[in-house]
Every structure is written in C-alpha cells, then in structure tokens.
Amino acid sequence: MTSEVLAGLLRANLVLAIGILAVMALRRPARRVFGPEVAYGLWAIPPLAALASLMPARVEDDAPQVHAFTAALADVSAPALIAWAAGALLLVAGLARAQAMFMADARRGKAGPAVVGVITPRVLMPADDGTYTAEERALIRAHEREHVARRDPRAGAVAAALQALCWFNPLVHLGAHLMRLDQELACDAAVLRRRPHDRALYARTLLKTQLAAQPLPFGCYWPAAGLHPLEVRVAQMKVEPRFEAFYGALLVASAVASAVVAAWNLQPPAPRPGELVDLWQRQQRHPVTSVMLVSLPPRPAAETPDR
C-alpha cells in the first residue's frame, strides 16, 4: 500500500512539473495575444492534471497485478514517505512563520496593500498618512476587492499547499511565484477594463505602492522578487490583446481538458479485481452454461376406485 501511495505521489509530481513547464512556455505568448487574464487561467493546468493522474486508472485484462515501478519502490516506500511528510511539515511551519511575520509588519504599518486570509479574506489597506490621494486609495481598494471577487486568495492557498506537498520540486516553487505575478497582472487588467480612463492614475498608484518585504503565503500581495513586478505591470498596461478574451477562454478550456486526459492516460492501467480475473480466466478456459434447478413438490398418488 505504501509503495502505491509513493508511486502515485511521484507520478503526480512528474505531471505537475510537466504542466508547469508547459504553462511557462505559453504564458507570455498568451498574455500578448489574449491578455493577462487568459494567461493566468493557464495555471489551472498543472494542479488539475496532477489530480487527474491520481484518479482511478483504466482497467485492462492483461494489466499486471503490481506495476513494475510500484514493485521497485516496495523496499524504500516507508522511509521515503516518512521523509516526505517531514519535509512537508517543515515547509508548512515555514509558511506559517512567513504569514505571521507579514501580519506583524502589517500591524506596524509596514505592509500593504494586500488581501489576507483564505476562507474569509479581508482587504489590508496602507496607512492613511497622506501618501495616496482619495482617488488612488479608491483604485487600490478596487484592485484588492477584485482579488476577493475572483477568489484569488484560494488559488494562492492551493499553490502554497502544493509547495508544501511537493517541497523538493523546484519547479513547483518557481511556478507558484510566476502564478502570483500573473495573478496580479490579471487583476490589473480586470480593474482597468472597468476603469479604462484611469490607466495613468493607476500606473502612478502602482509606482507609489511599497512592495512587501515578507512573503504572504495565504493571501494576495505585490511581491518584490525577480524582475521588478511594477515594471512588468506598468508595461503590460500599454499592451492591447490581439483577440477577444472569449477565444482565449476557449483556448484555456481546451488546454485544461487535453492536459487532464493526457495525465489520466499517463498512469499505468489497473488490473481487474482478483476475484473477477479468476472467474474471467476460468470462463475463458471452460465456458459454463448456467442452469436453474427448480424443486417441485411430489405429485399425489392417484386414488383407485372401489370395486
């Protein structure tokens, strides 16, 4: 049983890594052609494909009872699962510590704007110290409320959970960072779609906003790692999508469906249940005709007439 669990987790990690590589290759072309919201939608591919790889496999008559890869893991499955769980717990502790440090900075007025929380997210606004005008604060509030409306904190929580579960996979951590950046770009595009005349004001507001020094695992914030996010976000405002978002949505739906089917087919076929296999094999060697026997009560003896 432990070897089957370990084999499933390794297979899901492989599928997750392949999905992340595919999205990394597609996200920038999709952003230029269809817009940031479509590019962000592509990040549904890796987790759904990984989940599909864990679904019940197709059944084949000639499939081995135990797959060769699963059998090879039999001797190391228990220690590997213990090490896997230990690493996941350590990373969860690290994420909880990062969340606590971010909230401590927020209480001191050194963090924000952001959305914190997963089940009941709340908007964290910067201190009203005169840095922002009333119009700029309205744009910030609209941006953070857009995160809440789009349920982006829950997507961030899924990414954090995958980072914990796949703590040894560097592509998962890189994909989580890029997903958060695409999440911000998609949120910017959604706000500006409703406020098309506020592009210049929105850009000035972004340039004023301080970046979070601490990561926020469970929430949405403006990260400060890699290529400066503000440069990317301001530059994206100048790009107009070449096609309508409807065609991009069709592309995302097709890509997700294809990835799910491919991931499900990637797993080895499962054999029939043991009892059914034996019965099926016996029937192939010795065909049996079913006969129903019915027991009837004996007929009473005929009475002889008196002479």
Foldseek 3Di string as FASTA:
>chain_A
DLLVVVVLLVLLLVLLLVLLVVLVVCLVVCCQAANLQLSLLSVVQRVLLSVLLPPAAAADAPFDQADPSSVVCPVPRVVVVVVLLVQLVVLVVVLVVLQVVLVVCLVVQNDDQWWFDQPDIDGRHGDPPPLDDPVLSVLRVQLRVLCVVVSVLNVLLVLSSVCSNPVVDVSSVVSSVVSLLSVSLSSLVVSCVVVVPCLVVNLVSLVSDDARPGDNSRIHGLHCDDDGSSVVNNVSNVRDHNDYNVVSVVVSVVSNVVSSVVSSNPHGHHYDPPVVSVVVVVCVVPPDDDDDDDDDDDDDDDDDDDD
